[in-house]
Amino acid sequence: MRILIYSYNYYPEPIGIAPLMTELAEGLVKRGHEVRIVTAMPNYPERQIYEAYRGKLYLTEYKNGVKIQRSYVWIRPQPNLLDRVLLDASFVVTSFFPALIGWRPDVILSTSPSLPVCVPAALLGWLRDCPVVLNLQDILPEAAVHVGLLKNKLLINVFAALEKFAYRSASKISVIADGFVENLLSKGVESSKIEQIPNWVDVNFIRPLPKENNPFRAAHNLNDKFVVLYSGNIALTQGLETVVKAASLLRHIPEIAFVIVGEAKGLRRLQRYCLECGADNVLLLPFQPREELPQMLAAADVGLVVQKKNVISFNMPSKIQVLLASGRALVASVPENGTAARAVRQSGGGVIVPPEDDQALAMAVLELYKHPEKVKTLGYNSRQYAVEQYAFEHALNQYEKLFDSVTTDTQVIESKVVSKQEV
């Protein structure tokens, strides 16, 4: 098949949707499909266009058999409400031209966020007479309103209308967790339109590696330390201050070291907070090159998943699959009734503590530090569950089956229309 993926985020962005869409596109190419990506100039998580891509309106690249069509977007490092609107609007406008001039796809996969992308994707599907599959990584505007990112009533109404349009115009909707299914059903979306395909992890790339002679540990003086690692976005929904507070409560135990890996702006904020709390046992590091990710994850004894109390229940961080695949124990500081807590609980690979509770987080880390056999058991369970439930090949099979079903349905409908016209 010829598959067009309409995704704001893509390689070389290191976290979030970008690695997932990159792996999906390249995996589909390896299976013999022709894939092109319509995406923005890379800018995440720093929120500024990467230096090599600045000053360009359009750029076409090829990587591992995937045609990548990039377009300019309006982006500011510290965006206000207007900047966020202009960001979405600029991508909607600039991306449509390269999407239109390329070859006719058999199917379009549109990812959300960004929600406004549903408009050019739907228009392209109509003009090219091909089905559109909407991939929901988050549910907007609900999630944005819940954490206080979106407060303007007019914009909330606009995004709510976009959400309805996105669900109505899509041939199928792929969701990443059961909480999403429940949410869509409550909004009147037909169950037959929804396909649950969890986000995946390449279990051959992310795998358990020994802590001994680990280059990441050696490079950062972490040998003989009990390492508690957080790697990912440092934003409103995480509340990494809780991790810093928990670390300060354990600073009397020199063997325990906390490591936070993230973008520069977030690290600067946390650095000031570490000084305020006296958390001298926290190591702050920038994102590591992707090829070094397995060794970084293997350097940890415990991996952290952190959310704030107000994070909406269906939010499912993709880092959960990655941490599970690394074969390490998890401590999840997340809402008890949320999708993230459910996933960690089902894996048998971690413990759950209340969000924004630094004492509970510190006690959970201390408990694991004192019981290395429990850490080993949780890590074993993590790896087993990741291989069974989140292997990339399994997700790839599901997406191929989904794409095949929507293209087949379209062909059947066209055949019936032709038959009626002949009659």
Protein backbone atom coordinates (compact mmCIF):
# COMPACT_ATOMS: atom_id res chain seq x y z
CA MET A 1 0.00 0.00 0.00
CA ARG A 2 0.88 3.66 -0.31
CA ILE A 3 0.53 5.12 3.19
CA LEU A 4 0.63 8.81 4.11
CA ILE A 5 1.31 9.64 7.75
CA TYR A 6 0.25 13.17 8.73
CA SER A 7 2.14 13.86 11.96
CA TYR A 8 3.34 17.14 13.43
CA ASN A 9 6.19 15.30 15.19
CA TYR A 10 8.80 13.05 13.57
CA TYR A 11 12.53 12.23 13.54
CA PRO A 12 14.92 13.67 14.76
CA GLU A 13 12.78 14.77 17.72
CA PRO A 14 13.82 12.47 20.60
CA ILE A 15 10.67 12.00 22.70
CA GLY A 16 6.90 11.83 22.53
CA ILE A 17 5.09 10.90 19.32
CA ALA A 18 8.14 11.43 17.07
CA PRO A 19 10.02 8.15 17.82
CA LEU A 20 6.75 6.20 17.59
CA MET A 21 5.80 7.58 14.16
CA THR A 22 9.38 7.15 12.95
CA GLU A 23 9.41 3.49 13.96
CA LEU A 24 5.96 2.91 12.46
CA ALA A 25 6.86 4.51 9.12
CA GLU A 26 10.16 2.68 8.83
CA GLY A 27 8.58 -0.60 9.93
CA LEU A 28 5.92 -0.30 7.24
CA VAL A 29 8.61 0.36 4.62
CA LYS A 30 10.45 -2.79 5.68
CA ARG A 31 7.25 -4.72 5.05
CA GLY A 32 7.10 -3.49 1.48
CA HIS A 33 4.78 -0.48 1.76
CA GLU A 34 5.51 2.95 0.31
CA VAL A 35 5.40 5.59 3.04
CA ARG A 36 5.64 9.35 3.09
CA ILE A 37 5.44 11.64 6.10
CA VAL A 38 3.97 15.13 6.15
CA THR A 39 5.48 16.81 9.19
CA ALA A 40 6.80 20.06 10.64
CA MET A 41 10.35 21.31 10.84
CA PRO A 42 11.70 19.58 13.98
CA ASN A 43 11.37 21.77 17.08
CA TYR A 44 10.38 19.62 20.07
CA PRO A 45 10.98 19.69 23.03
CA GLU A 46 13.03 22.91 22.89
CA ARG A 47 10.18 24.65 21.01
CA GLN A 48 12.53 26.18 18.49
CA ILE A 49 13.30 24.89 15.03
CA TYR A 50 16.51 22.86 14.98
CA GLU A 51 19.45 24.83 13.59
CA ALA A 52 19.88 22.72 10.43
CA TYR A 53 16.25 23.36 9.45
CA ARG A 54 15.97 27.10 10.06
CA GLY A 55 15.18 29.58 7.31
CA LYS A 56 13.36 27.01 5.17
CA LEU A 57 9.71 27.00 4.12
CA TYR A 58 9.75 23.44 2.77
CA LEU A 59 12.24 20.59 2.82
CA THR A 60 12.05 17.02 1.50
CA GLU A 61 14.29 14.34 2.99
CA TYR A 62 14.62 10.56 2.77
CA LYS A 63 15.49 8.34 5.71
CA ASN A 64 15.41 4.54 5.73
CA GLY A 65 13.11 4.45 2.73
CA VAL A 66 10.62 7.01 4.07
CA LYS A 67 9.92 10.21 2.16
CA ILE A 68 9.75 13.08 4.69
CA GLN A 69 8.02 16.29 3.58
CA ARG A 70 8.67 19.08 6.09
CA SER A 71 7.06 22.50 6.27
CA TYR A 72 7.62 25.68 8.27
CA VAL A 73 5.71 26.28 11.52
CA TRP A 74 5.36 29.32 13.77
CA ILE A 75 7.05 28.34 17.03
CA ARG A 76 8.22 30.26 20.10
CA PRO A 77 10.30 28.91 23.03
CA GLN A 78 7.83 30.20 25.63
CA PRO A 79 4.52 30.23 23.77
CA ASN A 80 1.52 32.20 24.97
CA LEU A 81 -2.02 31.37 23.90
CA LEU A 82 -1.73 33.27 20.61
CA ASP A 83 1.57 31.53 19.81
CA ARG A 84 -0.04 28.12 20.34
CA VAL A 85 -2.91 29.02 18.03
CA LEU A 86 -0.49 30.30 15.38
CA LEU A 87 1.59 27.13 15.70
CA ASP A 88 -1.36 24.88 14.90
CA ALA A 89 -2.69 27.21 12.23
CA SER A 90 0.68 27.53 10.50
CA PHE A 91 1.09 23.76 10.26
CA VAL A 92 -2.45 23.32 8.94
CA VAL A 93 -1.75 25.84 6.16
CA THR A 94 1.87 25.07 5.22
CA SER A 95 1.60 21.28 5.39
CA PHE A 96 -1.35 20.92 3.03
CA PHE A 97 0.58 21.85 -0.14
CA PRO A 98 3.25 19.10 0.14
CA ALA A 99 0.57 16.65 1.27
CA LEU A 100 -1.44 17.39 -1.86
CA ILE A 101 1.32 17.31 -4.47
CA GLY A 102 2.71 13.89 -3.53
CA TRP A 103 1.44 10.57 -4.82
CA ARG A 104 -2.15 9.53 -4.06
CA PRO A 105 -2.20 7.48 -0.83
CA ASP A 106 -4.31 4.37 -0.32
CA VAL A 107 -4.78 5.42 3.30
CA ILE A 108 -3.93 8.42 5.50
CA LEU A 109 -2.91 8.09 9.16
CA SER A 110 -3.40 11.38 11.01
CA THR A 111 -2.03 11.75 14.54
CA SER A 112 -3.49 13.89 17.33
CA PRO A 113 -2.12 16.07 18.87
CA SER A 114 -2.16 18.28 16.83
CA LEU A 115 -5.97 18.22 16.63
CA PRO A 116 -6.39 20.89 13.88
CA VAL A 117 -4.47 18.57 11.53
CA CYS A 118 -7.75 16.66 11.18
CA VAL A 119 -8.94 19.42 8.81
CA PRO A 120 -6.26 19.13 6.07
CA ALA A 121 -6.16 15.34 6.54
CA ALA A 122 -9.92 15.07 6.01
CA LEU A 123 -9.78 17.43 3.02
CA LEU A 124 -6.94 15.45 1.48
CA GLY A 125 -8.86 12.21 2.06
CA TRP A 126 -11.86 13.70 0.26
CA LEU A 127 -9.84 15.09 -2.65
CA ARG A 128 -7.84 11.87 -3.08
CA ASP A 129 -10.81 9.60 -2.33
CA CYS A 130 -9.02 7.58 0.35
CA PRO A 131 -9.84 6.63 3.96
CA VAL A 132 -8.42 8.52 6.95
CA VAL A 133 -7.41 6.76 10.17
CA LEU A 134 -7.22 9.08 13.18
CA ASN A 135 -4.57 8.04 15.71
CA LEU A 136 -5.33 9.49 19.17
CA GLN A 137 -2.30 9.92 21.41
CA ASP A 138 -4.26 12.34 23.60
CA ILE A 139 -7.83 13.62 23.67
CA LEU A 140 -8.14 17.34 23.08
CA PRO A 141 -9.39 19.77 24.23
CA GLU A 142 -10.36 17.76 27.31
CA ALA A 143 -6.81 17.00 28.43
CA ALA A 144 -5.60 20.58 27.85
CA VAL A 145 -8.53 22.06 29.79
CA HIS A 146 -8.00 19.62 32.66
CA VAL A 147 -4.39 20.70 33.29
CA GLY A 148 -5.08 24.40 32.72
CA LEU A 149 -3.33 24.75 29.34
CA LEU A 150 -6.54 25.85 27.65
CA LYS A 151 -8.82 28.35 29.45
CA ASN A 152 -10.22 30.58 26.71
CA LYS A 153 -13.91 29.64 26.30
CA LEU A 154 -14.01 30.54 22.61
CA LEU A 155 -10.99 28.36 21.86
CA ILE A 156 -12.40 25.53 23.97
CA ASN A 157 -15.57 25.64 21.86
CA VAL A 158 -13.55 25.74 18.64
CA PHE A 159 -11.47 22.74 19.70
CA ALA A 160 -14.57 20.87 20.84
CA ALA A 161 -16.06 21.39 17.37
CA LEU A 162 -12.78 20.21 15.81
CA GLU A 163 -12.87 17.11 17.99
CA LYS A 164 -16.38 16.23 16.79
CA PHE A 165 -15.35 16.85 13.19
CA ALA A 166 -12.25 14.66 13.60
CA TYR A 167 -14.26 11.72 14.95
CA ARG A 168 -17.01 12.09 12.35
CA SER A 169 -14.69 12.46 9.32
CA ALA A 170 -12.34 9.58 10.19
CA SER A 171 -12.99 6.14 8.73
CA LYS A 172 -11.48 4.56 11.85
CA ILE A 173 -10.03 5.85 15.12
CA SER A 174 -7.04 4.07 16.65
CA VAL A 175 -6.59 4.63 20.39
CA ILE A 176 -3.70 3.66 22.66
CA ALA A 177 -5.51 2.53 25.83
CA ASP A 178 -8.87 1.33 27.11
CA GLY A 179 -9.49 4.65 28.87
CA PHE A 180 -9.66 6.27 25.43
CA VAL A 181 -12.28 3.76 24.31
CA GLU A 182 -14.48 4.56 27.30
CA ASN A 183 -14.12 8.30 26.65
CA LEU A 184 -15.07 8.04 22.96
CA LEU A 185 -18.03 5.79 23.64
CA SER A 186 -19.33 8.32 26.19
CA LYS A 187 -19.23 10.93 23.41
CA GLY A 188 -21.35 8.85 21.08
CA VAL A 189 -18.62 7.44 18.83
CA GLU A 190 -19.66 4.05 17.46
CA SER A 191 -17.70 1.14 18.90
CA SER A 192 -17.22 -0.29 15.39
CA LYS A 193 -15.21 2.80 14.50
CA ILE A 194 -12.70 2.39 17.35
CA GLU A 195 -9.60 0.17 17.25
CA GLN A 196 -7.40 -0.16 20.33
CA ILE A 197 -3.73 -0.49 19.39
CA PRO A 198 -1.35 0.25 22.28
CA ASN A 199 1.81 2.23 21.69
CA TRP A 200 4.74 -0.07 21.27
CA VAL A 201 8.42 -0.43 22.00
CA ASP A 202 11.16 -2.07 19.96
CA VAL A 203 12.01 -4.84 22.43
CA ASN A 204 15.09 -5.77 20.40
CA PHE A 205 16.50 -2.24 20.73
CA ILE A 206 15.34 -1.48 24.29
CA ARG A 207 16.32 -4.54 26.27
CA PRO A 208 17.76 -5.51 29.67
CA LEU A 209 21.50 -4.89 29.81
CA PRO A 210 23.87 -5.44 32.74
CA LYS A 211 24.56 -2.61 35.18
CA GLU A 212 28.15 -3.74 35.50
CA ASN A 213 30.56 -1.96 33.14
CA ASN A 214 27.71 0.31 32.07
CA PRO A 215 29.15 3.31 30.15
CA PHE A 216 26.39 5.69 31.34
CA ARG A 217 27.07 4.82 34.99
CA ALA A 218 30.82 5.17 34.50
CA ALA A 219 30.52 8.51 32.68
CA HIS A 220 28.44 10.07 35.47
CA ASN A 221 30.08 8.54 38.57
CA LEU A 222 27.08 6.32 39.29
CA ASN A 223 28.93 3.06 39.89
CA ASP A 224 27.88 1.47 43.20
CA LYS A 225 24.82 3.76 43.33
CA PHE A 226 21.15 2.80 43.53
CA VAL A 227 19.97 4.84 40.53
CA VAL A 228 16.43 6.23 40.27
CA LEU A 229 15.92 7.52 36.73
CA TYR A 230 13.40 9.86 35.11
CA SER A 231 13.82 10.59 31.41
CA GLY A 232 11.35 12.57 29.34
CA ASN A 233 9.35 15.74 29.08
CA ILE A 234 9.52 18.26 31.93
CA ALA A 235 6.21 20.07 31.65
CA LEU A 236 2.99 20.98 33.43
CA THR A 237 1.64 17.43 33.50
CA GLN A 238 4.69 15.83 35.16
CA GLY A 239 5.44 17.84 38.29
CA LEU A 240 9.09 16.82 38.62
CA GLU A 241 9.32 18.99 41.73
CA THR A 242 7.86 16.00 43.58
CA VAL A 243 10.87 13.92 42.52
CA VAL A 244 13.28 16.61 43.74
CA LYS A 245 11.49 16.80 47.10
CA ALA A 246 11.58 13.01 47.44
CA ALA A 247 15.30 13.03 46.65
CA SER A 248 15.92 15.64 49.36
CA LEU A 249 14.22 13.35 51.89
CA LEU A 250 16.71 10.58 51.01
CA ARG A 251 19.89 12.63 50.76
CA HIS A 252 21.15 11.12 54.02
CA ILE A 253 21.62 7.84 52.13
CA PRO A 254 24.61 8.51 49.84
CA GLU A 255 24.11 5.28 47.88
CA ILE A 256 20.80 6.53 46.40
CA ALA A 257 21.13 8.82 43.38
CA PHE A 258 18.32 10.43 41.40
CA VAL A 259 18.91 11.17 37.71
CA ILE A 260 16.60 13.42 35.67
CA VAL A 261 17.12 13.61 31.91
CA GLY A 262 15.23 16.24 29.91
CA GLU A 263 15.25 19.44 27.89
CA ALA A 264 17.47 22.38 28.86
CA LYS A 265 14.70 24.81 29.86
CA GLY A 266 13.08 22.34 32.25
CA LEU A 267 16.44 21.36 33.70
CA ARG A 268 17.28 24.99 34.51
CA ARG A 269 14.03 25.31 36.45
CA LEU A 270 14.70 22.08 38.35
CA GLN A 271 18.27 23.13 39.09
CA ARG A 272 16.98 26.15 41.00
CA TYR A 273 14.51 23.95 42.84
CA CYS A 274 17.25 21.46 43.78
CA LEU A 275 19.20 24.30 45.38
CA GLU A 276 16.12 25.42 47.32
CA CYS A 277 15.50 21.88 48.62
CA GLY A 278 19.12 20.97 49.23
CA ALA A 279 18.74 17.98 46.91
CA ASP A 280 22.41 17.48 46.13
CA ASN A 281 21.73 13.85 45.24
CA VAL A 282 19.95 14.79 41.99
CA LEU A 283 21.89 14.65 38.73
CA LEU A 284 20.37 16.71 35.90
CA LEU A 285 21.34 15.72 32.35
CA PRO A 286 20.31 16.69 28.80
CA PHE A 287 18.67 14.20 26.46
CA GLN A 288 21.07 11.49 25.34
CA PRO A 289 21.55 10.39 21.71
CA ARG A 290 18.96 7.75 20.79
CA GLU A 291 21.59 5.09 20.16
CA GLU A 292 22.70 5.45 23.79
CA LEU A 293 19.18 5.08 25.19
CA PRO A 294 19.41 1.32 26.01
CA GLN A 295 22.56 1.84 28.09
CA MET A 296 21.05 4.84 29.87
CA LEU A 297 17.93 2.87 30.83
CA ALA A 298 20.07 -0.09 31.88
CA ALA A 299 21.99 2.17 34.26
CA ALA A 300 18.88 2.53 36.41
CA ASP A 301 17.71 0.32 39.26
CA VAL A 302 14.31 2.03 39.19
CA GLY A 303 12.53 3.96 36.43
CA LEU A 304 10.08 6.74 37.30
CA VAL A 305 6.71 7.63 35.78
CA VAL A 306 5.41 10.91 37.20
CA GLN A 307 2.11 12.74 36.71
CA LYS A 308 0.29 15.50 38.56
CA LYS A 309 -3.01 15.00 40.35
CA ASN A 310 -4.96 16.92 37.73
CA VAL A 311 -3.80 14.81 34.78
CA ILE A 312 -6.85 13.40 33.08
CA SER A 313 -7.46 9.72 33.79
CA PHE A 314 -6.94 8.36 30.26
CA ASN A 315 -3.45 9.87 29.82
CA MET A 316 -0.96 7.11 28.95
CA PRO A 317 2.74 8.12 28.86
CA SER A 318 4.65 6.24 26.15
CA LYS A 319 7.64 6.01 28.48
CA ILE A 320 5.86 3.20 30.37
CA GLN A 321 6.42 0.76 27.51
CA VAL A 322 10.05 1.83 27.19
CA LEU A 323 10.78 1.41 30.91
CA LEU A 324 9.08 -1.98 30.98
CA ALA A 325 11.12 -3.19 27.99
CA SER A 326 14.35 -2.17 29.72
CA GLY A 327 13.64 -4.77 32.40
CA ARG A 328 13.72 -2.39 35.33
CA ALA A 329 11.37 -1.88 38.27
CA LEU A 330 8.98 1.06 37.99
CA VAL A 331 7.71 3.51 40.57
CA ALA A 332 4.66 5.32 39.20
CA SER A 333 3.60 8.52 40.96
CA VAL A 334 0.28 8.73 39.10
CA PRO A 335 -3.47 9.02 39.77
CA GLU A 336 -4.72 5.74 41.24
CA ASN A 337 -7.69 5.38 38.88
CA GLY A 338 -5.88 6.44 35.70
CA THR A 339 -4.81 4.52 32.62
CA ALA A 340 -1.12 4.80 33.55
CA ALA A 341 -1.70 3.22 36.97
CA ARG A 342 -3.74 0.45 35.37
CA ALA A 343 -0.96 -0.35 32.90
CA VAL A 344 1.75 -0.49 35.58
CA ARG A 345 -0.47 -2.61 37.82
CA GLN A 346 -1.25 -5.08 35.04
CA SER A 347 2.43 -5.43 34.17
CA GLY A 348 3.39 -6.56 37.66
CA GLY A 349 6.56 -4.57 37.15
CA GLY A 350 6.13 -1.64 39.48
CA VAL A 351 4.57 0.04 42.46
CA ILE A 352 2.11 2.93 42.46
CA VAL A 353 2.16 5.90 44.84
CA PRO A 354 -0.14 8.92 45.04
CA PRO A 355 0.81 11.79 42.71
CA GLU A 356 2.52 14.90 44.13
CA ASP A 357 3.26 13.02 47.37
CA ASP A 358 7.01 13.35 47.89
CA GLN A 359 7.00 11.35 51.12
CA ALA A 360 5.19 8.40 49.53
CA LEU A 361 7.59 8.49 46.57
CA ALA A 362 10.62 8.61 48.87
CA MET A 363 9.29 5.69 50.95
CA ALA A 364 8.67 3.60 47.81
CA VAL A 365 12.23 4.21 46.59
CA LEU A 366 13.64 3.44 50.04
CA GLU A 367 11.63 0.20 50.21
CA LEU A 368 13.07 -0.98 46.90
CA TYR A 369 16.58 0.09 47.89
CA LYS A 370 16.32 -2.12 50.98
CA HIS A 371 14.92 -5.11 49.04
CA PRO A 372 17.04 -5.82 45.95
CA GLU A 373 15.27 -9.13 45.33
CA LYS A 374 11.97 -7.30 44.90
CA VAL A 375 13.64 -4.94 42.44
CA LYS A 376 14.87 -7.95 40.49
CA THR A 377 11.43 -9.59 40.45
CA LEU A 378 9.68 -6.41 39.32
CA GLY A 379 12.26 -5.94 36.57
CA TYR A 380 11.71 -9.49 35.33
CA ASN A 381 7.94 -8.95 35.26
CA SER A 382 8.42 -5.66 33.40
CA ARG A 383 10.37 -7.24 30.58
CA GLN A 384 8.03 -10.21 30.22
CA TYR A 385 4.98 -7.98 30.01
CA ALA A 386 6.59 -5.64 27.47
CA VAL A 387 7.50 -8.54 25.19
CA GLU A 388 4.03 -10.04 25.44
CA GLN A 389 1.94 -6.87 25.18
CA TYR A 390 3.97 -4.05 23.62
CA ALA A 391 6.31 -5.62 21.04
CA PHE A 392 6.59 -3.47 17.92
CA GLU A 393 5.93 -6.35 15.52
CA HIS A 394 2.58 -6.97 17.17
CA ALA A 395 1.55 -3.32 16.77
CA LEU A 396 2.78 -3.33 13.18
CA ASN A 397 0.58 -6.35 12.43
CA GLN A 398 -2.42 -4.54 13.91
CA TYR A 399 -1.83 -1.37 11.89
CA GLU A 400 -1.40 -3.34 8.68
CA LYS A 401 -4.65 -5.18 9.39
CA LEU A 402 -6.41 -1.86 10.16
CA PHE A 403 -5.15 -0.20 6.96
CA ASP A 404 -6.14 -3.23 4.93
CA SER A 405 -9.65 -3.20 6.42
CA VAL A 406 -10.34 0.48 5.68
CA THR A 407 -9.04 0.24 2.11
CA THR A 408 -11.11 -2.89 1.54
CA ASP A 409 -14.22 -1.18 2.94
CA THR A 410 -13.63 1.77 0.60
CA GLN A 411 -13.28 -0.52 -2.42
CA VAL A 412 -16.52 -2.34 -1.52
CA ILE A 413 -18.41 0.97 -1.21
CA GLU A 414 -17.02 2.20 -4.56
CA SER A 415 -17.98 -1.11 -6.18
CA LYS A 416 -21.57 -0.80 -4.91
CA VAL A 417 -21.81 2.79 -6.19
CA VAL A 418 -20.57 1.73 -9.64
CA SER A 419 -23.06 -1.16 -9.72
CA LYS A 420 -25.99 1.14 -8.88
CA GLN A 421 -24.93 3.59 -11.59
CA GLU A 422 -24.77 0.80 -14.15
CA VAL A 423 -28.25 -0.37 -13.17
